[in-house]
Amino acid sequence: MKNQSNLAESTVIAPEVESKKTNFFTKFKTAYGPGILAVLTWLGAGDLVTSSVAGADYGYSLMWILALSLILRFLIVNVIARFQLCNTEGLTILEGYGRIHPFFGYFMFGYALIMGHLFNAYMIKGAGEVLSTLFHVNQPFLASMVVVGLVFMLIGRNIYNRIESVMKVLLALLTIAFLFLAIQATPDVGQIIKGTVGFSIPSDTGVHGALLVAISIIGAVAGSISNFV
């Protein structure tokens, strides 16, 4: 009877232990997966252009602005997310802005309406330029129309999961490419540390002034009004 009791206990405990082991990865993906995807998708043209210009013209001397901008982006996005999820009154972020002053709500509405159209037009034009270049057809406008047509064909279809899977693969390739290029560039760790704690604006040596590049880094990395929208 004692052996049977021990056997019964083992059969009850074993699945729990196995469940805890498997649930760790599930919980990790649930907790950190969306954040990782958000970080990768926020890596846009502004980040690439400003960081490339800063590095090419001024080396590591503006690294401190990049570090400070990343801290500011964390604070902005973190505060917005916490307000949206944790306010006890169930307010949306726009209603929260309205509590500060009614002007903010109307401003955000107008900005989202106008800039939403401009951003989409920018992305459609960019996609058209890419397609025309890839297929060696000097008709970016027609290529943009093809993109719009494809989007209309996808609207309403239950293929979001497939699109998301493709985007995850592309983001993974993008991450691997960036890591490979970063290693291949053989960065100077000492200069990175020196530039991160330098807190100085170098003299203008490149095509773009150092102060202009610094402001561009803050706008692209720290977060623009698009983050609030």
C-alpha atoms as a PDB file:
ATOM      1  CA  MET A   1       0.000   0.000   0.000  1.00  0.00           C
ATOM      2  CA  LYS A   2       2.846   2.347   0.826  1.00  0.00           C
ATOM      3  CA  ASN A   3       4.541   1.707  -2.504  1.00  0.00           C
ATOM      4  CA  GLN A   4       1.266   2.284  -4.319  1.00  0.00           C
ATOM      5  CA  SER A   5       0.803   5.558  -2.426  1.00  0.00           C
ATOM      6  CA  ASN A   6       4.298   6.742  -3.379  1.00  0.00           C
ATOM      7  CA  LEU A   7       3.656   5.755  -6.989  1.00  0.00           C
ATOM      8  CA  ALA A   8       0.397   7.715  -7.009  1.00  0.00           C
ATOM      9  CA  GLU A   9       2.133  10.789  -5.569  1.00  0.00           C
ATOM     10  CA  SER A  10       4.875  10.582  -8.188  1.00  0.00           C
ATOM     11  CA  THR A  11       2.343  10.394 -10.993  1.00  0.00           C
ATOM     12  CA  VAL A  12       0.648  13.510  -9.625  1.00  0.00           C
ATOM     13  CA  ILE A  13       3.808  15.545  -9.031  1.00  0.00           C
ATOM     14  CA  ALA A  14       5.649  14.685 -12.258  1.00  0.00           C
ATOM     15  CA  PRO A  15       3.195  16.403 -14.609  1.00  0.00           C
ATOM     16  CA  GLU A  16       3.317  19.558 -12.475  1.00  0.00           C
ATOM     17  CA  VAL A  17       7.106  19.677 -12.696  1.00  0.00           C
ATOM     18  CA  GLU A  18       6.965  19.105 -16.432  1.00  0.00           C
ATOM     19  CA  SER A  19       4.283  21.757 -16.756  1.00  0.00           C
ATOM     20  CA  LYS A  20       6.409  24.290 -14.903  1.00  0.00           C
ATOM     21  CA  LYS A  21       9.334  23.591 -17.235  1.00  0.00           C
ATOM     22  CA  THR A  22       7.256  24.016 -20.355  1.00  0.00           C
ATOM     23  CA  ASN A  23       5.352  26.994 -19.012  1.00  0.00           C
ATOM     24  CA  PHE A  24       8.580  28.951 -18.464  1.00  0.00           C
ATOM     25  CA  PHE A  25       9.131  29.345 -22.211  1.00  0.00           C
ATOM     26  CA  THR A  26       5.459  30.044 -22.781  1.00  0.00           C
ATOM     27  CA  LYS A  27       5.461  32.732 -20.104  1.00  0.00           C
ATOM     28  CA  PHE A  28       8.709  34.180 -21.454  1.00  0.00           C
ATOM     29  CA  LYS A  29       7.277  34.477 -24.983  1.00  0.00           C
ATOM     30  CA  THR A  30       4.071  35.949 -23.618  1.00  0.00           C
ATOM     31  CA  ALA A  31       5.834  38.486 -21.394  1.00  0.00           C
ATOM     32  CA  TYR A  32       8.782  39.494 -23.572  1.00  0.00           C
ATOM     33  CA  GLY A  33       7.813  38.413 -27.085  1.00  0.00           C
ATOM     34  CA  PRO A  34       5.629  41.435 -27.903  1.00  0.00           C
ATOM     35  CA  GLY A  35       8.260  43.776 -26.496  1.00  0.00           C
ATOM     36  CA  ILE A  36      11.020  42.232 -28.601  1.00  0.00           C
ATOM     37  CA  LEU A  37       8.880  42.510 -31.720  1.00  0.00           C
ATOM     38  CA  ALA A  38       8.009  46.114 -30.875  1.00  0.00           C
ATOM     39  CA  VAL A  39      11.678  47.027 -30.452  1.00  0.00           C
ATOM     40  CA  LEU A  40      12.565  45.459 -33.786  1.00  0.00           C
ATOM     41  CA  THR A  41       9.677  47.035 -35.669  1.00  0.00           C
ATOM     42  CA  TRP A  42      10.456  50.490 -34.240  1.00  0.00           C
ATOM     43  CA  LEU A  43      13.891  50.291 -35.836  1.00  0.00           C
ATOM     44  CA  GLY A  44      13.018  52.516 -38.758  1.00  0.00           C
ATOM     45  CA  ALA A  45      14.659  54.594 -41.436  1.00  0.00           C
ATOM     46  CA  GLY A  46      15.197  57.503 -39.034  1.00  0.00           C
ATOM     47  CA  ASP A  47      17.244  55.349 -36.673  1.00  0.00           C
ATOM     48  CA  LEU A  48      19.341  53.929 -39.506  1.00  0.00           C
ATOM     49  CA  VAL A  49      20.015  57.228 -41.257  1.00  0.00           C
ATOM     50  CA  THR A  50      20.798  59.349 -38.199  1.00  0.00           C
ATOM     51  CA  SER A  51      22.950  56.672 -36.550  1.00  0.00           C
ATOM     52  CA  SER A  52      24.851  56.035 -39.787  1.00  0.00           C
ATOM     53  CA  VAL A  53      25.485  59.739 -40.383  1.00  0.00           C
ATOM     54  CA  ALA A  54      26.550  60.248 -36.776  1.00  0.00           C
ATOM     55  CA  GLY A  55      28.977  57.346 -36.906  1.00  0.00           C
ATOM     56  CA  ALA A  56      30.394  58.174 -40.329  1.00  0.00           C
ATOM     57  CA  ASP A  57      30.966  61.872 -39.596  1.00  0.00           C
ATOM     58  CA  TYR A  58      31.676  61.955 -35.859  1.00  0.00           C
ATOM     59  CA  GLY A  59      32.712  58.454 -34.846  1.00  0.00           C
ATOM     60  CA  TYR A  60      31.766  57.540 -31.289  1.00  0.00           C
ATOM     61  CA  SER A  61      31.621  61.100 -29.957  1.00  0.00           C
ATOM     62  CA  LEU A  62      27.786  61.252 -30.088  1.00  0.00           C
ATOM     63  CA  MET A  63      27.204  57.889 -28.398  1.00  0.00           C
ATOM     64  CA  TRP A  64      26.083  59.642 -25.216  1.00  0.00           C
ATOM     65  CA  ILE A  65      23.159  61.188 -27.102  1.00  0.00           C
ATOM     66  CA  LEU A  66      22.147  57.747 -28.396  1.00  0.00           C
ATOM     67  CA  ALA A  67      22.275  56.292 -24.881  1.00  0.00           C
ATOM     68  CA  LEU A  68      20.289  59.198 -23.431  1.00  0.00           C
ATOM     69  CA  SER A  69      17.737  58.934 -26.245  1.00  0.00           C
ATOM     70  CA  LEU A  70      17.203  55.232 -25.546  1.00  0.00           C
ATOM     71  CA  ILE A  71      16.569  56.004 -21.873  1.00  0.00           C
ATOM     72  CA  LEU A  72      14.064  58.699 -22.834  1.00  0.00           C
ATOM     73  CA  ARG A  73      12.326  56.329 -25.266  1.00  0.00           C
ATOM     74  CA  PHE A  74      12.008  53.728 -22.507  1.00  0.00           C
ATOM     75  CA  LEU A  75      10.498  56.280 -20.155  1.00  0.00           C
ATOM     76  CA  ILE A  76       8.046  57.625 -22.740  1.00  0.00           C
ATOM     77  CA  VAL A  77       6.830  54.245 -23.962  1.00  0.00           C
ATOM     78  CA  ASN A  78       6.854  52.722 -20.470  1.00  0.00           C
ATOM     79  CA  VAL A  79       4.794  55.531 -18.950  1.00  0.00           C
ATOM     80  CA  ILE A  80       2.278  55.448 -21.803  1.00  0.00           C
ATOM     81  CA  ALA A  81       1.891  51.670 -21.542  1.00  0.00           C
ATOM     82  CA  ARG A  82       1.546  51.733 -17.770  1.00  0.00           C
ATOM     83  CA  PHE A  83      -1.104  54.434 -17.917  1.00  0.00           C
ATOM     84  CA  GLN A  84      -3.060  52.536 -20.550  1.00  0.00           C
ATOM     85  CA  LEU A  85      -2.948  49.269 -18.595  1.00  0.00           C
ATOM     86  CA  CYS A  86      -2.988  50.332 -14.965  1.00  0.00           C
ATOM     87  CA  ASN A  87      -5.146  53.432 -14.519  1.00  0.00           C
ATOM     88  CA  THR A  88      -8.030  52.530 -12.231  1.00  0.00           C
ATOM     89  CA  GLU A  89     -10.637  54.485 -14.189  1.00  0.00           C
ATOM     90  CA  GLY A  90     -10.097  52.631 -17.448  1.00  0.00           C
ATOM     91  CA  LEU A  91      -9.120  55.780 -19.325  1.00  0.00           C
ATOM     92  CA  THR A  92      -7.596  55.616 -22.777  1.00  0.00           C
ATOM     93  CA  ILE A  93      -4.383  57.487 -23.419  1.00  0.00           C
ATOM     94  CA  LEU A  94      -6.299  60.233 -25.252  1.00  0.00           C
ATOM     95  CA  GLU A  95      -8.646  60.632 -22.300  1.00  0.00           C
ATOM     96  CA  GLY A  96      -5.566  60.896 -20.113  1.00  0.00           C
ATOM     97  CA  TYR A  97      -4.228  63.705 -22.283  1.00  0.00           C
ATOM     98  CA  GLY A  98      -7.636  65.360 -21.976  1.00  0.00           C
ATOM     99  CA  ARG A  99      -7.291  65.343 -18.188  1.00  0.00           C
ATOM    100  CA  ILE A 100      -4.178  67.490 -18.548  1.00  0.00           C
ATOM    101  CA  HIS A 101      -5.917  69.909 -20.922  1.00  0.00           C
ATOM    102  CA  PRO A 102      -8.708  69.456 -23.488  1.00  0.00           C
ATOM    103  CA  PHE A 103      -6.402  70.890 -26.147  1.00  0.00           C
ATOM    104  CA  PHE A 104      -4.220  67.762 -26.088  1.00  0.00           C
ATOM    105  CA  GLY A 105      -7.084  65.478 -27.067  1.00  0.00           C
ATOM    106  CA  TYR A 106      -8.103  67.611 -30.059  1.00  0.00           C
ATOM    107  CA  PHE A 107      -4.469  68.079 -31.060  1.00  0.00           C
ATOM    108  CA  MET A 108      -3.769  64.335 -31.005  1.00  0.00           C
ATOM    109  CA  PHE A 109      -6.934  63.649 -33.006  1.00  0.00           C
ATOM    110  CA  GLY A 110      -5.969  66.157 -35.682  1.00  0.00           C
ATOM    111  CA  TYR A 111      -2.367  64.994 -35.738  1.00  0.00           C
ATOM    112  CA  ALA A 112      -3.336  61.322 -36.024  1.00  0.00           C
ATOM    113  CA  LEU A 113      -5.749  62.119 -38.837  1.00  0.00           C
ATOM    114  CA  ILE A 114      -3.268  64.151 -40.876  1.00  0.00           C
ATOM    115  CA  MET A 115      -0.017  62.349 -40.120  1.00  0.00           C
ATOM    116  CA  GLY A 116      -1.667  58.939 -40.420  1.00  0.00           C
ATOM    117  CA  HIS A 117      -2.436  59.708 -44.055  1.00  0.00           C
ATOM    118  CA  LEU A 118       1.026  61.173 -44.637  1.00  0.00           C
ATOM    119  CA  PHE A 119       2.796  58.194 -43.041  1.00  0.00           C
ATOM    120  CA  ASN A 120       0.768  55.725 -45.083  1.00  0.00           C
ATOM    121  CA  ALA A 121       1.421  57.698 -48.270  1.00  0.00           C
ATOM    122  CA  TYR A 122       5.130  57.714 -47.419  1.00  0.00           C
ATOM    123  CA  MET A 123       5.190  53.944 -46.891  1.00  0.00           C
ATOM    124  CA  ILE A 124       3.215  53.260 -50.081  1.00  0.00           C
ATOM    125  CA  LYS A 125       5.588  55.458 -52.086  1.00  0.00           C
ATOM    126  CA  GLY A 126       8.580  53.757 -50.453  1.00  0.00           C
ATOM    127  CA  ALA A 127       7.232  50.303 -51.259  1.00  0.00           C
ATOM    128  CA  GLY A 128       6.654  51.399 -54.849  1.00  0.00           C
ATOM    129  CA  GLU A 129      10.220  52.688 -55.125  1.00  0.00           C
ATOM    130  CA  VAL A 130      11.557  49.383 -53.809  1.00  0.00           C
ATOM    131  CA  LEU A 131       9.459  47.293 -56.190  1.00  0.00           C
ATOM    132  CA  SER A 132      10.407  49.402 -59.206  1.00  0.00           C
ATOM    133  CA  THR A 133      14.077  49.049 -58.274  1.00  0.00           C
ATOM    134  CA  LEU A 134      13.899  45.293 -57.653  1.00  0.00           C
ATOM    135  CA  PHE A 135      12.166  44.575 -60.950  1.00  0.00           C
ATOM    136  CA  HIS A 136      14.133  47.237 -62.896  1.00  0.00           C
ATOM    137  CA  VAL A 137      10.975  49.079 -63.896  1.00  0.00           C
ATOM    138  CA  ASN A 138      11.299  52.830 -63.786  1.00  0.00           C
ATOM    139  CA  GLN A 139       7.646  53.311 -62.839  1.00  0.00           C
ATOM    140  CA  PRO A 140       7.481  53.844 -59.039  1.00  0.00           C
ATOM    141  CA  PHE A 141       3.976  55.307 -59.234  1.00  0.00           C
ATOM    142  CA  LEU A 142       2.577  52.219 -60.993  1.00  0.00           C
ATOM    143  CA  ALA A 143       4.444  50.012 -58.534  1.00  0.00           C
ATOM    144  CA  SER A 144       2.818  51.942 -55.688  1.00  0.00           C
ATOM    145  CA  MET A 145      -0.582  51.294 -57.267  1.00  0.00           C
ATOM    146  CA  VAL A 146       0.263  47.585 -57.326  1.00  0.00           C
ATOM    147  CA  VAL A 147       1.040  47.765 -53.611  1.00  0.00           C
ATOM    148  CA  VAL A 148      -2.305  49.451 -52.935  1.00  0.00           C
ATOM    149  CA  GLY A 149      -4.081  46.793 -54.996  1.00  0.00           C
ATOM    150  CA  LEU A 150      -2.391  43.992 -53.062  1.00  0.00           C
ATOM    151  CA  VAL A 151      -3.383  45.619 -49.779  1.00  0.00           C
ATOM    152  CA  PHE A 152      -7.029  45.796 -50.863  1.00  0.00           C
ATOM    153  CA  MET A 153      -6.877  42.120 -51.815  1.00  0.00           C
ATOM    154  CA  LEU A 154      -5.614  41.233 -48.330  1.00  0.00           C
ATOM    155  CA  ILE A 155      -8.153  43.319 -46.398  1.00  0.00           C
ATOM    156  CA  GLY A 156     -10.833  41.182 -44.809  1.00  0.00           C
ATOM    157  CA  ARG A 157      -9.022  37.887 -45.315  1.00  0.00           C
ATOM    158  CA  ASN A 158      -8.085  35.741 -42.357  1.00  0.00           C
ATOM    159  CA  ILE A 159      -4.359  35.669 -43.089  1.00  0.00           C
ATOM    160  CA  TYR A 160      -3.042  37.889 -40.309  1.00  0.00           C
ATOM    161  CA  ASN A 161      -1.208  34.982 -38.649  1.00  0.00           C
ATOM    162  CA  ARG A 162       0.608  34.198 -41.896  1.00  0.00           C
ATOM    163  CA  ILE A 163       1.631  37.807 -42.372  1.00  0.00           C
ATOM    164  CA  GLU A 164       2.817  37.961 -38.766  1.00  0.00           C
ATOM    165  CA  SER A 165       4.894  34.796 -39.245  1.00  0.00           C
ATOM    166  CA  VAL A 166       6.549  36.267 -42.351  1.00  0.00           C
ATOM    167  CA  MET A 167       7.297  39.496 -40.469  1.00  0.00           C
ATOM    168  CA  LYS A 168       8.875  37.533 -37.606  1.00  0.00           C
ATOM    169  CA  VAL A 169      11.198  35.788 -40.057  1.00  0.00           C
ATOM    170  CA  LEU A 170      12.140  39.095 -41.684  1.00  0.00           C
ATOM    171  CA  LEU A 171      12.765  40.697 -38.284  1.00  0.00           C
ATOM    172  CA  ALA A 172      14.948  37.758 -37.267  1.00  0.00           C
ATOM    173  CA  LEU A 173      16.984  38.129 -40.472  1.00  0.00           C
ATOM    174  CA  LEU A 174      17.244  41.882 -39.875  1.00  0.00           C
ATOM    175  CA  THR A 175      18.535  41.296 -36.343  1.00  0.00           C
ATOM    176  CA  ILE A 176      21.082  38.717 -37.500  1.00  0.00           C
ATOM    177  CA  ALA A 177      22.267  41.063 -40.259  1.00  0.00           C
ATOM    178  CA  PHE A 178      22.739  43.939 -37.809  1.00  0.00           C
ATOM    179  CA  LEU A 179      24.647  41.753 -35.351  1.00  0.00           C
ATOM    180  CA  PHE A 180      26.843  40.385 -38.137  1.00  0.00           C
ATOM    181  CA  LEU A 181      27.623  43.864 -39.455  1.00  0.00           C
ATOM    182  CA  ALA A 182      28.298  45.165 -35.935  1.00  0.00           C
ATOM    183  CA  ILE A 183      30.817  42.372 -35.310  1.00  0.00           C
ATOM    184  CA  GLN A 184      32.355  42.738 -38.768  1.00  0.00           C
ATOM    185  CA  ALA A 185      32.910  46.452 -38.162  1.00  0.00           C
ATOM    186  CA  THR A 186      35.174  45.559 -35.199  1.00  0.00           C
ATOM    187  CA  PRO A 187      33.967  48.354 -32.892  1.00  0.00           C
ATOM    188  CA  ASP A 188      36.378  49.971 -30.451  1.00  0.00           C
ATOM    189  CA  VAL A 189      34.897  49.213 -27.030  1.00  0.00           C
ATOM    190  CA  GLY A 190      37.089  51.786 -25.318  1.00  0.00           C
ATOM    191  CA  GLN A 191      35.953  54.549 -27.653  1.00  0.00           C
ATOM    192  CA  ILE A 192      32.324  53.478 -27.238  1.00  0.00           C
ATOM    193  CA  ILE A 193      32.604  53.842 -23.463  1.00  0.00           C
ATOM    194  CA  LYS A 194      34.417  57.166 -23.842  1.00  0.00           C
ATOM    195  CA  GLY A 195      31.782  58.482 -26.251  1.00  0.00           C
ATOM    196  CA  THR A 196      28.925  57.295 -24.025  1.00  0.00           C
ATOM    197  CA  VAL A 197      30.176  59.317 -21.051  1.00  0.00           C
ATOM    198  CA  GLY A 198      31.681  62.150 -23.088  1.00  0.00           C
ATOM    199  CA  PHE A 199      28.733  64.570 -22.955  1.00  0.00           C
ATOM    200  CA  SER A 200      30.231  66.910 -25.540  1.00  0.00           C
ATOM    201  CA  ILE A 201      29.297  68.132 -29.017  1.00  0.00           C
ATOM    202  CA  PRO A 202      32.251  67.832 -31.421  1.00  0.00           C
ATOM    203  CA  SER A 203      33.143  70.499 -33.936  1.00  0.00           C
ATOM    204  CA  ASP A 204      31.469  70.342 -37.340  1.00  0.00           C
ATOM    205  CA  THR A 205      33.461  68.060 -39.613  1.00  0.00           C
ATOM    206  CA  GLY A 206      30.874  66.335 -41.786  1.00  0.00           C
ATOM    207  CA  VAL A 207      28.310  67.439 -44.334  1.00  0.00           C
ATOM    208  CA  HIS A 208      25.770  67.895 -41.545  1.00  0.00           C
ATOM    209  CA  GLY A 209      26.552  69.878 -38.422  1.00  0.00           C
ATOM    210  CA  ALA A 210      27.083  67.982 -35.183  1.00  0.00           C
ATOM    211  CA  LEU A 211      24.236  69.775 -33.397  1.00  0.00           C
ATOM    212  CA  LEU A 212      21.822  68.981 -36.252  1.00  0.00           C
ATOM    213  CA  VAL A 213      22.822  65.312 -36.160  1.00  0.00           C
ATOM    214  CA  ALA A 214      22.422  65.259 -32.378  1.00  0.00           C
ATOM    215  CA  ILE A 215      18.902  66.710 -32.594  1.00  0.00           C
ATOM    216  CA  SER A 216      18.057  64.225 -35.352  1.00  0.00           C
ATOM    217  CA  ILE A 217      19.175  61.321 -33.151  1.00  0.00           C
ATOM    218  CA  ILE A 218      16.981  62.548 -30.305  1.00  0.00           C
ATOM    219  CA  GLY A 219      13.985  62.926 -32.612  1.00  0.00           C
ATOM    220  CA  ALA A 220      14.444  59.539 -34.292  1.00  0.00           C
ATOM    221  CA  VAL A 221      15.505  57.426 -31.299  1.00  0.00           C
ATOM    222  CA  ALA A 222      14.089  59.061 -28.196  1.00  0.00           C
ATOM    223  CA  GLY A 223      10.674  59.186 -29.768  1.00  0.00           C
ATOM    224  CA  SER A 224       8.616  61.650 -31.685  1.00  0.00           C
ATOM    225  CA  ILE A 225       4.979  62.600 -31.394  1.00  0.00           C
ATOM    226  CA  SER A 226       4.218  59.402 -33.314  1.00  0.00           C
ATOM    227  CA  ASN A 227       4.921  57.445 -30.129  1.00  0.00           C
ATOM    228  CA  PHE A 228       2.181  59.383 -28.363  1.00  0.00           C
ATOM    229  CA  VAL A 229      -0.231  58.762 -31.226  1.00  0.00           C
END
